[in-house]
Amino acid sequence: MRKYLIPAAALIALAGGSAVIAQQMPAAPGAKDAARVTGGAYTIDPGHTQILFAYDHMGFSNNLGVLSESTGTLTLDPKNPSAAKVSVEVPIANLKTGIAKLDEHLMKPEFFDSAKFPKATFVSTGVKVQGTQAEISGNLTIKGITKPVTLDTEFYGAGKAPAMMGGKENVGFVATTTIKRSDFGMGYGVPMVGDAVELKIVAAFQK
């Protein structure tokens, strides 16, 4: 098969006689290097923090949704990572499944009852660190009901943002766990709709 290549001179002519040279982007400022993590107080970056959830629907599908724009704090000491503390507030109204009627249903009393309980919270009670992984124990509160949960957490990366983006120090983690929605007063539809809810948390913090 013949291939036709447009010469650079022709491209310049098409561009009105001037060449546009694409600048090479610099390397990403963050890396999975624990030595880049500095101690101190951090706050959640709400634009880059998401909680993904998945549950079984009648044995037919594994449906998904996301909660976004959480707020919260993280304190870190690289010399004593087990002393880390994290506190998160999650606005329930920001829950999205991509299905408008389902989103509306999930806000009702049989599920989140968001008018009465607009936020879910997580407050850590302990951290066990092994290399770049950790088990973060804490109390999860949904609909005014508090239960202990453990997050299997992995350090994702750290570094300083470019000056044009504020120049703040950033650190990120990915965590997973599974909870039972019936533990939090949301047993509606069980067992037709699965009780177990898998969570994946993508969390970014800025110093």
N, C-alpha and C. Protein backbone atom coordinates (compact mmCIF):
# COMPACT_ATOMS: atom_id res chain seq x y z
N MET A 1 0.86 -1.19 0.00
CA MET A 1 0.00 0.00 0.00
C MET A 1 0.90 1.24 0.00
N ARG A 2 0.64 2.21 -0.94
CA ARG A 2 1.45 3.42 -1.00
C ARG A 2 1.09 4.36 0.13
N LYS A 3 2.07 4.96 0.72
CA LYS A 3 1.85 5.93 1.80
C LYS A 3 2.23 7.31 1.31
N TYR A 4 1.41 8.30 1.61
CA TYR A 4 1.65 9.66 1.17
C TYR A 4 2.05 10.50 2.37
N LEU A 5 3.21 11.11 2.32
CA LEU A 5 3.71 11.95 3.39
C LEU A 5 3.65 13.40 2.95
N ILE A 6 3.11 14.27 3.80
CA ILE A 6 3.06 15.70 3.48
C ILE A 6 4.37 16.33 3.92
N PRO A 7 5.12 16.89 3.00
CA PRO A 7 6.41 17.49 3.36
C PRO A 7 6.23 18.65 4.34
N ALA A 8 7.27 18.88 5.12
CA ALA A 8 7.23 19.97 6.10
C ALA A 8 6.97 21.31 5.43
N ALA A 9 7.54 21.52 4.24
CA ALA A 9 7.35 22.79 3.53
C ALA A 9 5.88 23.01 3.21
N ALA A 10 5.18 21.90 2.83
CA ALA A 10 3.76 22.02 2.51
C ALA A 10 2.96 22.38 3.76
N LEU A 11 3.32 21.79 4.90
CA LEU A 11 2.64 22.09 6.16
C LEU A 11 2.81 23.56 6.52
N ILE A 12 4.02 24.07 6.31
CA ILE A 12 4.28 25.48 6.60
C ILE A 12 3.43 26.36 5.70
N ALA A 13 3.32 25.97 4.43
CA ALA A 13 2.51 26.76 3.49
C ALA A 13 1.04 26.75 3.92
N LEU A 14 0.55 25.58 4.32
CA LEU A 14 -0.84 25.48 4.76
C LEU A 14 -1.09 26.31 6.01
N ALA A 15 -0.05 26.48 6.82
CA ALA A 15 -0.18 27.25 8.06
C ALA A 15 0.03 28.73 7.81
N GLY A 16 0.09 29.13 6.56
CA GLY A 16 0.23 30.54 6.23
C GLY A 16 1.67 30.99 6.23
N GLY A 17 2.59 30.05 6.02
CA GLY A 17 3.99 30.42 5.90
C GLY A 17 4.74 30.43 7.21
N SER A 18 4.11 30.01 8.29
CA SER A 18 4.82 29.99 9.58
C SER A 18 4.74 28.60 10.18
N ALA A 19 5.83 28.14 10.73
CA ALA A 19 5.88 26.81 11.34
C ALA A 19 5.56 26.91 12.81
N VAL A 20 4.74 25.96 13.29
CA VAL A 20 4.43 25.90 14.72
C VAL A 20 5.12 24.68 15.30
N ILE A 21 6.00 24.90 16.22
CA ILE A 21 6.78 23.82 16.81
C ILE A 21 6.20 23.48 18.17
N ALA A 22 5.76 22.24 18.34
CA ALA A 22 5.19 21.80 19.62
C ALA A 22 6.30 21.69 20.66
N GLN A 23 6.07 22.30 21.80
CA GLN A 23 7.04 22.21 22.88
C GLN A 23 6.88 20.89 23.61
N GLN A 24 7.99 20.29 23.93
CA GLN A 24 7.96 19.04 24.67
C GLN A 24 7.56 19.31 26.13
N MET A 25 6.56 18.57 26.60
CA MET A 25 6.12 18.76 27.97
C MET A 25 7.15 18.19 28.93
N PRO A 26 7.33 18.85 30.09
CA PRO A 26 8.27 18.32 31.07
C PRO A 26 7.71 17.07 31.73
N ALA A 27 8.56 16.35 32.41
CA ALA A 27 8.13 15.13 33.11
C ALA A 27 7.15 15.49 34.21
N ALA A 28 6.29 14.55 34.56
CA ALA A 28 5.33 14.78 35.64
C ALA A 28 6.06 15.12 36.93
N PRO A 29 5.56 16.07 37.69
CA PRO A 29 6.26 16.50 38.91
C PRO A 29 6.15 15.51 40.06
N GLY A 30 5.20 14.59 40.00
CA GLY A 30 5.04 13.62 41.07
C GLY A 30 5.63 12.27 40.70
N ALA A 31 6.02 11.50 41.72
CA ALA A 31 6.59 10.17 41.50
C ALA A 31 6.36 9.32 42.74
N LYS A 32 6.35 8.01 42.54
CA LYS A 32 6.17 7.09 43.66
C LYS A 32 7.50 6.93 44.38
N ASP A 33 7.87 7.99 45.08
CA ASP A 33 9.13 8.07 45.81
C ASP A 33 8.84 8.63 47.20
N ALA A 34 8.85 7.78 48.19
CA ALA A 34 8.49 8.20 49.55
C ALA A 34 9.42 9.27 50.09
N ALA A 35 10.63 9.37 49.54
CA ALA A 35 11.57 10.39 50.00
C ALA A 35 11.08 11.79 49.67
N ARG A 36 10.12 11.91 48.76
CA ARG A 36 9.58 13.22 48.40
C ARG A 36 8.52 13.72 49.38
N VAL A 37 8.06 12.85 50.25
CA VAL A 37 7.01 13.23 51.20
C VAL A 37 7.62 14.02 52.35
N THR A 38 7.07 15.19 52.63
CA THR A 38 7.54 16.00 53.75
C THR A 38 6.46 16.04 54.82
N GLY A 39 6.89 16.22 56.04
CA GLY A 39 5.95 16.22 57.16
C GLY A 39 5.14 17.50 57.23
N GLY A 40 4.03 17.42 57.94
CA GLY A 40 3.21 18.60 58.14
C GLY A 40 1.74 18.33 57.93
N ALA A 41 0.99 19.41 57.78
CA ALA A 41 -0.46 19.33 57.63
C ALA A 41 -0.85 19.51 56.17
N TYR A 42 -1.71 18.64 55.70
CA TYR A 42 -2.20 18.69 54.33
C TYR A 42 -3.73 18.79 54.33
N THR A 43 -4.27 19.30 53.25
CA THR A 43 -5.73 19.30 53.06
C THR A 43 -6.06 18.57 51.77
N ILE A 44 -7.24 18.00 51.71
CA ILE A 44 -7.66 17.28 50.51
C ILE A 44 -7.73 18.23 49.32
N ASP A 45 -7.26 17.74 48.19
CA ASP A 45 -7.46 18.42 46.91
C ASP A 45 -8.78 17.91 46.35
N PRO A 46 -9.87 18.67 46.49
CA PRO A 46 -11.19 18.15 46.10
C PRO A 46 -11.34 17.90 44.61
N GLY A 47 -10.52 18.56 43.81
CA GLY A 47 -10.61 18.37 42.36
C GLY A 47 -9.96 17.10 41.87
N HIS A 48 -9.23 16.41 42.76
CA HIS A 48 -8.53 15.19 42.35
C HIS A 48 -8.71 14.07 43.37
N THR A 49 -9.81 14.13 44.10
CA THR A 49 -10.15 13.08 45.07
C THR A 49 -11.52 12.53 44.73
N GLN A 50 -11.61 11.21 44.61
CA GLN A 50 -12.87 10.57 44.25
C GLN A 50 -13.04 9.27 45.04
N ILE A 51 -14.30 8.95 45.32
CA ILE A 51 -14.63 7.67 45.95
C ILE A 51 -15.52 6.91 44.97
N LEU A 52 -15.00 5.83 44.45
CA LEU A 52 -15.73 5.00 43.50
C LEU A 52 -16.39 3.86 44.27
N PHE A 53 -17.63 3.53 43.91
CA PHE A 53 -18.28 2.40 44.58
C PHE A 53 -18.90 1.47 43.55
N ALA A 54 -18.97 0.19 43.90
CA ALA A 54 -19.52 -0.83 43.02
C ALA A 54 -20.35 -1.82 43.83
N TYR A 55 -21.45 -2.26 43.26
CA TYR A 55 -22.34 -3.20 43.95
C TYR A 55 -23.04 -4.10 42.94
N ASP A 56 -23.46 -5.26 43.40
CA ASP A 56 -24.15 -6.21 42.55
C ASP A 56 -25.62 -5.82 42.38
N HIS A 57 -26.11 -5.87 41.16
CA HIS A 57 -27.52 -5.61 40.91
C HIS A 57 -28.20 -6.87 40.40
N MET A 58 -28.86 -7.58 41.30
CA MET A 58 -29.68 -8.75 40.99
C MET A 58 -28.90 -9.88 40.31
N GLY A 59 -27.58 -9.87 40.48
CA GLY A 59 -26.77 -10.90 39.84
C GLY A 59 -26.59 -10.70 38.35
N PHE A 60 -27.08 -9.57 37.83
CA PHE A 60 -27.00 -9.29 36.40
C PHE A 60 -25.83 -8.37 36.04
N SER A 61 -25.49 -7.45 36.96
CA SER A 61 -24.48 -6.45 36.62
C SER A 61 -23.79 -5.95 37.89
N ASN A 62 -22.62 -5.38 37.68
CA ASN A 62 -21.84 -4.78 38.76
C ASN A 62 -21.86 -3.27 38.53
N ASN A 63 -22.84 -2.61 39.16
CA ASN A 63 -23.06 -1.19 38.89
C ASN A 63 -22.09 -0.29 39.65
N LEU A 64 -21.87 0.91 39.11
CA LEU A 64 -20.85 1.81 39.61
C LEU A 64 -21.41 3.19 39.92
N GLY A 65 -20.68 3.92 40.75
CA GLY A 65 -20.99 5.31 41.03
C GLY A 65 -19.78 5.99 41.62
N VAL A 66 -19.88 7.30 41.82
CA VAL A 66 -18.75 8.06 42.34
C VAL A 66 -19.24 9.16 43.26
N LEU A 67 -18.46 9.40 44.29
CA LEU A 67 -18.66 10.55 45.19
C LEU A 67 -17.45 11.45 45.04
N SER A 68 -17.69 12.76 44.93
CA SER A 68 -16.59 13.68 44.65
C SER A 68 -16.63 14.91 45.55
N GLU A 69 -15.56 15.70 45.45
CA GLU A 69 -15.41 16.97 46.14
C GLU A 69 -15.47 16.83 47.67
N SER A 70 -14.78 15.80 48.16
CA SER A 70 -14.65 15.64 49.61
C SER A 70 -13.74 16.73 50.17
N THR A 71 -13.83 16.94 51.48
CA THR A 71 -12.93 17.84 52.18
C THR A 71 -12.31 17.08 53.35
N GLY A 72 -11.20 17.60 53.85
CA GLY A 72 -10.59 16.93 54.99
C GLY A 72 -9.12 17.28 55.16
N THR A 73 -8.50 16.62 56.13
CA THR A 73 -7.11 16.92 56.47
C THR A 73 -6.30 15.64 56.66
N LEU A 74 -5.00 15.80 56.50
CA LEU A 74 -4.05 14.72 56.71
C LEU A 74 -2.82 15.29 57.40
N THR A 75 -2.36 14.65 58.45
CA THR A 75 -1.09 15.04 59.07
C THR A 75 -0.12 13.89 58.91
N LEU A 76 1.10 14.23 58.51
CA LEU A 76 2.11 13.23 58.20
C LEU A 76 3.45 13.55 58.86
N ASP A 77 4.13 12.51 59.28
CA ASP A 77 5.51 12.64 59.73
C ASP A 77 6.27 11.48 59.11
N PRO A 78 7.07 11.74 58.06
CA PRO A 78 7.79 10.66 57.38
C PRO A 78 8.65 9.82 58.31
N LYS A 79 9.11 10.41 59.41
CA LYS A 79 9.93 9.66 60.35
C LYS A 79 9.10 8.76 61.26
N ASN A 80 7.80 9.02 61.29
CA ASN A 80 6.90 8.23 62.12
C ASN A 80 5.56 8.08 61.39
N PRO A 81 5.54 7.35 60.27
CA PRO A 81 4.34 7.28 59.44
C PRO A 81 3.14 6.65 60.15
N SER A 82 3.40 5.83 61.17
CA SER A 82 2.29 5.20 61.89
C SER A 82 1.48 6.20 62.71
N ALA A 83 2.04 7.40 62.88
CA ALA A 83 1.34 8.44 63.65
C ALA A 83 0.45 9.30 62.76
N ALA A 84 0.37 8.97 61.47
CA ALA A 84 -0.44 9.77 60.54
C ALA A 84 -1.90 9.76 60.96
N LYS A 85 -2.57 10.87 60.68
CA LYS A 85 -3.99 10.99 60.98
C LYS A 85 -4.71 11.59 59.78
N VAL A 86 -5.91 11.07 59.50
CA VAL A 86 -6.69 11.58 58.39
C VAL A 86 -8.15 11.71 58.80
N SER A 87 -8.78 12.78 58.32
CA SER A 87 -10.19 13.03 58.60
C SER A 87 -10.83 13.53 57.32
N VAL A 88 -11.97 12.92 56.94
CA VAL A 88 -12.59 13.23 55.65
C VAL A 88 -14.09 13.44 55.82
N GLU A 89 -14.62 14.44 55.11
CA GLU A 89 -16.06 14.64 55.01
C GLU A 89 -16.48 14.50 53.55
N VAL A 90 -17.54 13.72 53.33
CA VAL A 90 -17.98 13.43 51.97
C VAL A 90 -19.40 13.96 51.78
N PRO A 91 -19.61 14.92 50.87
CA PRO A 91 -20.96 15.44 50.61
C PRO A 91 -21.79 14.44 49.82
N ILE A 92 -22.85 13.93 50.43
CA ILE A 92 -23.66 12.89 49.80
C ILE A 92 -24.35 13.41 48.54
N ALA A 93 -24.71 14.67 48.51
CA ALA A 93 -25.41 15.22 47.36
C ALA A 93 -24.58 15.14 46.07
N ASN A 94 -23.26 14.96 46.21
CA ASN A 94 -22.40 14.88 45.04
C ASN A 94 -22.32 13.47 44.44
N LEU A 95 -23.07 12.54 45.01
CA LEU A 95 -23.07 11.17 44.49
C LEU A 95 -23.66 11.15 43.08
N LYS A 96 -22.95 10.46 42.17
CA LYS A 96 -23.43 10.35 40.79
C LYS A 96 -23.24 8.92 40.29
N THR A 97 -24.29 8.39 39.68
CA THR A 97 -24.19 7.09 39.02
C THR A 97 -24.26 7.24 37.51
N GLY A 98 -24.63 8.43 37.04
CA GLY A 98 -24.87 8.63 35.62
C GLY A 98 -26.30 8.35 35.23
N ILE A 99 -27.11 7.94 36.21
CA ILE A 99 -28.52 7.64 35.97
C ILE A 99 -29.33 8.54 36.89
N ALA A 100 -29.96 9.56 36.36
CA ALA A 100 -30.58 10.61 37.15
C ALA A 100 -31.63 10.08 38.13
N LYS A 101 -32.49 9.18 37.69
CA LYS A 101 -33.54 8.66 38.55
C LYS A 101 -32.96 7.84 39.71
N LEU A 102 -31.89 7.11 39.44
CA LEU A 102 -31.24 6.34 40.50
C LEU A 102 -30.57 7.28 41.50
N ASP A 103 -29.92 8.33 41.01
CA ASP A 103 -29.31 9.31 41.92
C ASP A 103 -30.36 9.90 42.85
N GLU A 104 -31.52 10.22 42.29
CA GLU A 104 -32.61 10.79 43.08
C GLU A 104 -33.10 9.78 44.13
N HIS A 105 -33.21 8.52 43.72
CA HIS A 105 -33.67 7.48 44.64
C HIS A 105 -32.69 7.28 45.79
N LEU A 106 -31.41 7.33 45.49
CA LEU A 106 -30.39 7.11 46.53
C LEU A 106 -30.37 8.22 47.57
N MET A 107 -30.96 9.36 47.28
CA MET A 107 -31.02 10.44 48.26
C MET A 107 -32.19 10.28 49.23
N LYS A 108 -33.10 9.34 48.96
CA LYS A 108 -34.31 9.18 49.75
C LYS A 108 -34.03 8.46 51.07
N PRO A 109 -34.98 8.50 52.03
CA PRO A 109 -34.77 7.94 53.37
C PRO A 109 -34.35 6.47 53.39
N GLU A 110 -34.82 5.64 52.44
CA GLU A 110 -34.46 4.23 52.46
C GLU A 110 -32.99 4.00 52.12
N PHE A 111 -32.36 5.01 51.55
CA PHE A 111 -30.93 4.93 51.30
C PHE A 111 -30.20 5.98 52.14
N PHE A 112 -29.63 7.01 51.52
CA PHE A 112 -28.78 7.94 52.27
C PHE A 112 -29.55 8.96 53.10
N ASP A 113 -30.81 9.21 52.77
CA ASP A 113 -31.59 10.23 53.49
C ASP A 113 -30.77 11.52 53.59
N SER A 114 -30.34 12.02 52.43
CA SER A 114 -29.38 13.12 52.38
C SER A 114 -29.91 14.43 52.96
N ALA A 115 -31.23 14.62 52.97
CA ALA A 115 -31.77 15.85 53.56
C ALA A 115 -31.49 15.90 55.05
N LYS A 116 -31.51 14.75 55.69
CA LYS A 116 -31.25 14.67 57.13
C LYS A 116 -29.79 14.43 57.44
N PHE A 117 -29.09 13.69 56.57
CA PHE A 117 -27.69 13.34 56.79
C PHE A 117 -26.88 13.72 55.54
N PRO A 118 -26.53 15.00 55.40
CA PRO A 118 -25.91 15.46 54.16
C PRO A 118 -24.45 15.04 53.96
N LYS A 119 -23.81 14.54 55.01
CA LYS A 119 -22.39 14.17 54.88
C LYS A 119 -22.10 12.82 55.51
N ALA A 120 -21.16 12.11 54.90
CA ALA A 120 -20.56 10.93 55.51
C ALA A 120 -19.16 11.35 55.97
N THR A 121 -18.64 10.69 57.01
CA THR A 121 -17.32 11.06 57.51
C THR A 121 -16.47 9.82 57.77
N PHE A 122 -15.17 10.01 57.68
CA PHE A 122 -14.21 8.98 58.08
C PHE A 122 -13.14 9.66 58.91
N VAL A 123 -12.86 9.07 60.08
CA VAL A 123 -11.81 9.59 60.97
C VAL A 123 -10.91 8.42 61.35
N SER A 124 -9.64 8.54 61.05
CA SER A 124 -8.71 7.44 61.32
C SER A 124 -8.48 7.26 62.82
N THR A 125 -8.23 6.01 63.20
CA THR A 125 -7.91 5.69 64.60
C THR A 125 -6.57 5.00 64.73
N GLY A 126 -6.00 4.55 63.62
CA GLY A 126 -4.70 3.89 63.67
C GLY A 126 -4.17 3.60 62.29
N VAL A 127 -2.84 3.52 62.18
CA VAL A 127 -2.19 3.26 60.89
C VAL A 127 -1.07 2.23 61.08
N LYS A 128 -1.10 1.18 60.26
CA LYS A 128 -0.04 0.19 60.24
C LYS A 128 0.64 0.27 58.88
N VAL A 129 1.94 0.62 58.89
CA VAL A 129 2.66 0.87 57.64
C VAL A 129 3.64 -0.26 57.36
N GLN A 130 3.67 -0.69 56.10
CA GLN A 130 4.66 -1.64 55.63
C GLN A 130 5.14 -1.21 54.25
N GLY A 131 6.29 -0.59 54.20
CA GLY A 131 6.80 -0.06 52.94
C GLY A 131 5.93 1.06 52.42
N THR A 132 5.46 0.91 51.19
CA THR A 132 4.59 1.93 50.59
C THR A 132 3.12 1.60 50.76
N GLN A 133 2.83 0.59 51.58
CA GLN A 133 1.45 0.20 51.83
C GLN A 133 1.10 0.39 53.30
N ALA A 134 -0.19 0.52 53.57
CA ALA A 134 -0.62 0.73 54.96
C ALA A 134 -2.05 0.24 55.14
N GLU A 135 -2.36 -0.15 56.36
CA GLU A 135 -3.74 -0.40 56.76
C GLU A 135 -4.17 0.75 57.65
N ILE A 136 -5.17 1.48 57.19
CA ILE A 136 -5.66 2.63 57.95
C ILE A 136 -6.99 2.23 58.58
N SER A 137 -7.01 2.13 59.89
CA SER A 137 -8.24 1.83 60.62
C SER A 137 -8.92 3.12 60.98
N GLY A 138 -10.26 3.09 61.01
CA GLY A 138 -10.97 4.31 61.37
C GLY A 138 -12.45 4.07 61.53
N ASN A 139 -13.15 5.14 61.84
CA ASN A 139 -14.60 5.10 62.03
C ASN A 139 -15.29 5.78 60.85
N LEU A 140 -16.15 5.02 60.19
CA LEU A 140 -16.93 5.53 59.08
C LEU A 140 -18.35 5.79 59.57
N THR A 141 -18.84 7.00 59.32
CA THR A 141 -20.19 7.37 59.75
C THR A 141 -21.04 7.71 58.53
N ILE A 142 -22.15 6.98 58.38
CA ILE A 142 -23.12 7.22 57.32
C ILE A 142 -24.51 7.17 57.95
N LYS A 143 -25.34 8.16 57.66
CA LYS A 143 -26.70 8.24 58.23
C LYS A 143 -26.68 8.25 59.76
N GLY A 144 -25.63 8.82 60.34
CA GLY A 144 -25.54 8.91 61.79
C GLY A 144 -25.12 7.63 62.46
N ILE A 145 -24.79 6.60 61.68
CA ILE A 145 -24.36 5.30 62.21
C ILE A 145 -22.86 5.16 61.98
N THR A 146 -22.13 4.84 63.05
CA THR A 146 -20.68 4.74 62.97
C THR A 146 -20.23 3.30 63.10
N LYS A 147 -19.38 2.86 62.17
CA LYS A 147 -18.83 1.51 62.16
C LYS A 147 -17.33 1.57 61.89
N PRO A 148 -16.56 0.63 62.49
CA PRO A 148 -15.13 0.58 62.19
C PRO A 148 -14.89 -0.02 60.81
N VAL A 149 -13.95 0.56 60.08
CA VAL A 149 -13.54 0.01 58.78
C VAL A 149 -12.02 0.09 58.67
N THR A 150 -11.47 -0.72 57.79
CA THR A 150 -10.03 -0.69 57.53
C THR A 150 -9.80 -0.46 56.04
N LEU A 151 -9.00 0.52 55.72
CA LEU A 151 -8.67 0.85 54.34
C LEU A 151 -7.31 0.26 53.98
N ASP A 152 -7.28 -0.59 52.95
CA ASP A 152 -6.01 -1.09 52.43
C ASP A 152 -5.47 -0.03 51.49
N THR A 153 -4.39 0.61 51.91
CA THR A 153 -3.93 1.85 51.27
C THR A 153 -2.55 1.69 50.67
N GLU A 154 -2.36 2.30 49.52
CA GLU A 154 -1.05 2.29 48.87
C GLU A 154 -0.65 3.72 48.50
N PHE A 155 0.58 4.06 48.82
CA PHE A 155 1.14 5.35 48.44
C PHE A 155 1.24 5.42 46.92
N TYR A 156 0.71 6.49 46.33
CA TYR A 156 0.70 6.62 44.87
C TYR A 156 1.82 7.52 44.36
N GLY A 157 2.02 8.65 45.04
CA GLY A 157 3.07 9.54 44.57
C GLY A 157 3.12 10.84 45.34
N ALA A 158 4.23 11.56 45.19
CA ALA A 158 4.40 12.84 45.88
C ALA A 158 5.31 13.73 45.05
N GLY A 159 5.23 15.02 45.31
CA GLY A 159 6.06 15.97 44.61
C GLY A 159 5.49 17.37 44.73
N LYS A 160 6.18 18.31 44.14
CA LYS A 160 5.77 19.71 44.19
C LYS A 160 5.15 20.11 42.86
N ALA A 161 3.97 20.70 42.92
CA ALA A 161 3.30 21.13 41.69
C ALA A 161 4.09 22.27 41.03
N PRO A 162 3.99 22.42 39.71
CA PRO A 162 4.67 23.53 39.04
C PRO A 162 4.19 24.87 39.60
N ALA A 163 5.05 25.87 39.50
CA ALA A 163 4.72 27.20 40.03
C ALA A 163 3.43 27.74 39.41
N MET A 164 3.22 27.47 38.12
CA MET A 164 2.03 27.97 37.44
C MET A 164 0.75 27.33 37.97
N MET A 165 0.90 26.23 38.74
CA MET A 165 -0.26 25.56 39.33
C MET A 165 -0.27 25.69 40.85
N GLY A 166 0.45 26.70 41.34
CA GLY A 166 0.43 27.01 42.77
C GLY A 166 1.66 26.60 43.53
N GLY A 167 2.44 25.67 42.99
CA GLY A 167 3.70 25.27 43.61
C GLY A 167 3.57 24.53 44.93
N LYS A 168 2.38 24.00 45.23
CA LYS A 168 2.20 23.32 46.52
C LYS A 168 2.75 21.89 46.47
N GLU A 169 3.15 21.42 47.66
CA GLU A 169 3.55 20.03 47.78
C GLU A 169 2.30 19.15 47.78
N ASN A 170 2.37 18.05 47.05
CA ASN A 170 1.23 17.14 46.91
C ASN A 170 1.64 15.72 47.30
N VAL A 171 0.66 14.97 47.80
CA VAL A 171 0.87 13.55 48.07
C VAL A 171 -0.44 12.83 47.77
N GLY A 172 -0.34 11.63 47.20
CA GLY A 172 -1.55 10.92 46.82
C GLY A 172 -1.53 9.46 47.22
N PHE A 173 -2.72 8.91 47.43
CA PHE A 173 -2.88 7.52 47.86
C PHE A 173 -4.06 6.89 47.13
N VAL A 174 -4.07 5.57 47.07
CA VAL A 174 -5.23 4.81 46.60
C VAL A 174 -5.57 3.80 47.68
N ALA A 175 -6.85 3.74 48.05
CA ALA A 175 -7.28 2.83 49.11
C ALA A 175 -8.51 2.05 48.67
N THR A 176 -8.65 0.84 49.21
CA THR A 176 -9.81 0.01 48.91
C THR A 176 -10.35 -0.60 50.19
N THR A 177 -11.64 -0.88 50.18
CA THR A 177 -12.28 -1.62 51.27
C THR A 177 -13.65 -2.07 50.79
N THR A 178 -14.29 -2.91 51.57
CA THR A 178 -15.65 -3.34 51.29
C THR A 178 -16.49 -3.16 52.55
N ILE A 179 -17.65 -2.56 52.40
CA ILE A 179 -18.56 -2.36 53.53
C ILE A 179 -19.91 -2.98 53.20
N LYS A 180 -20.73 -3.18 54.23
CA LYS A 180 -22.10 -3.62 54.05
C LYS A 180 -23.03 -2.42 54.23
N ARG A 181 -23.83 -2.13 53.24
CA ARG A 181 -24.71 -0.97 53.33
C ARG A 181 -25.77 -1.16 54.41
N SER A 182 -26.14 -2.42 54.68
CA SER A 182 -27.13 -2.67 55.72
C SER A 182 -26.62 -2.27 57.10
N ASP A 183 -25.28 -2.25 57.28
CA ASP A 183 -24.70 -1.80 58.55
C ASP A 183 -24.99 -0.33 58.81
N PHE A 184 -25.33 0.40 57.76
CA PHE A 184 -25.55 1.84 57.88
C PHE A 184 -27.00 2.22 57.59
N GLY A 185 -27.90 1.29 57.87
CA GLY A 185 -29.33 1.59 57.73
C GLY A 185 -29.80 1.71 56.30
N MET A 186 -29.10 1.02 55.37
CA MET A 186 -29.48 1.08 53.96
C MET A 186 -29.67 -0.33 53.40
N GLY A 187 -30.44 -1.14 54.12
CA GLY A 187 -30.65 -2.52 53.70
C GLY A 187 -31.74 -2.70 52.67
N TYR A 188 -32.30 -1.60 52.20
CA TYR A 188 -33.39 -1.65 51.20
C TYR A 188 -32.95 -2.47 49.98
N GLY A 189 -33.77 -3.46 49.62
CA GLY A 189 -33.51 -4.23 48.41
C GLY A 189 -32.62 -5.44 48.58
N VAL A 190 -32.01 -5.63 49.75
CA VAL A 190 -31.17 -6.81 49.99
C VAL A 190 -32.09 -8.02 50.13
N PRO A 191 -31.80 -9.18 49.54
CA PRO A 191 -30.58 -9.51 48.79
C PRO A 191 -30.69 -9.34 47.27
N MET A 192 -31.83 -8.85 46.78
CA MET A 192 -31.96 -8.67 45.33
C MET A 192 -30.86 -7.76 44.79
N VAL A 193 -30.58 -6.71 45.54
CA VAL A 193 -29.45 -5.82 45.24
C VAL A 193 -28.41 -6.07 46.32
N GLY A 194 -27.17 -6.27 45.93
CA GLY A 194 -26.13 -6.70 46.85
C GLY A 194 -25.95 -5.81 48.07
N ASP A 195 -25.66 -6.46 49.19
CA ASP A 195 -25.39 -5.74 50.43
C ASP A 195 -23.96 -5.20 50.46
N ALA A 196 -23.03 -5.98 49.92
CA ALA A 196 -21.62 -5.57 49.91
C ALA A 196 -21.39 -4.46 48.89
N VAL A 197 -20.68 -3.44 49.32
CA VAL A 197 -20.32 -2.32 48.44
C VAL A 197 -18.81 -2.18 48.44
N GLU A 198 -18.20 -2.33 47.28
CA GLU A 198 -16.76 -2.18 47.15
C GLU A 198 -16.42 -0.70 46.95
N LEU A 199 -15.42 -0.24 47.69
CA LEU A 199 -15.00 1.15 47.58
C LEU A 199 -13.56 1.23 47.08
N LYS A 200 -13.32 2.15 46.18
CA LYS A 200 -11.96 2.50 45.78
C LYS A 200 -11.83 4.00 45.95
N ILE A 201 -10.85 4.42 46.73
CA ILE A 201 -10.68 5.83 47.08
C ILE A 201 -9.39 6.35 46.46
N VAL A 202 -9.53 7.34 45.63
CA VAL A 202 -8.38 8.02 45.03
C VAL A 202 -8.26 9.36 45.76
N ALA A 203 -7.23 9.50 46.58
CA ALA A 203 -7.13 10.66 47.47
C ALA A 203 -5.86 11.46 47.19
N ALA A 204 -6.04 12.76 46.96
CA ALA A 204 -4.91 13.67 46.76
C ALA A 204 -4.94 14.74 47.83
N PHE A 205 -3.78 15.07 48.35
CA PHE A 205 -3.67 16.07 49.42
C PHE A 205 -2.62 17.11 49.05
N GLN A 206 -2.86 18.34 49.46
CA GLN A 206 -1.91 19.44 49.23
C GLN A 206 -1.48 20.03 50.56
N LYS A 207 -0.21 20.36 50.64
CA LYS A 207 0.35 20.93 51.88
C LYS A 207 0.08 22.44 51.90
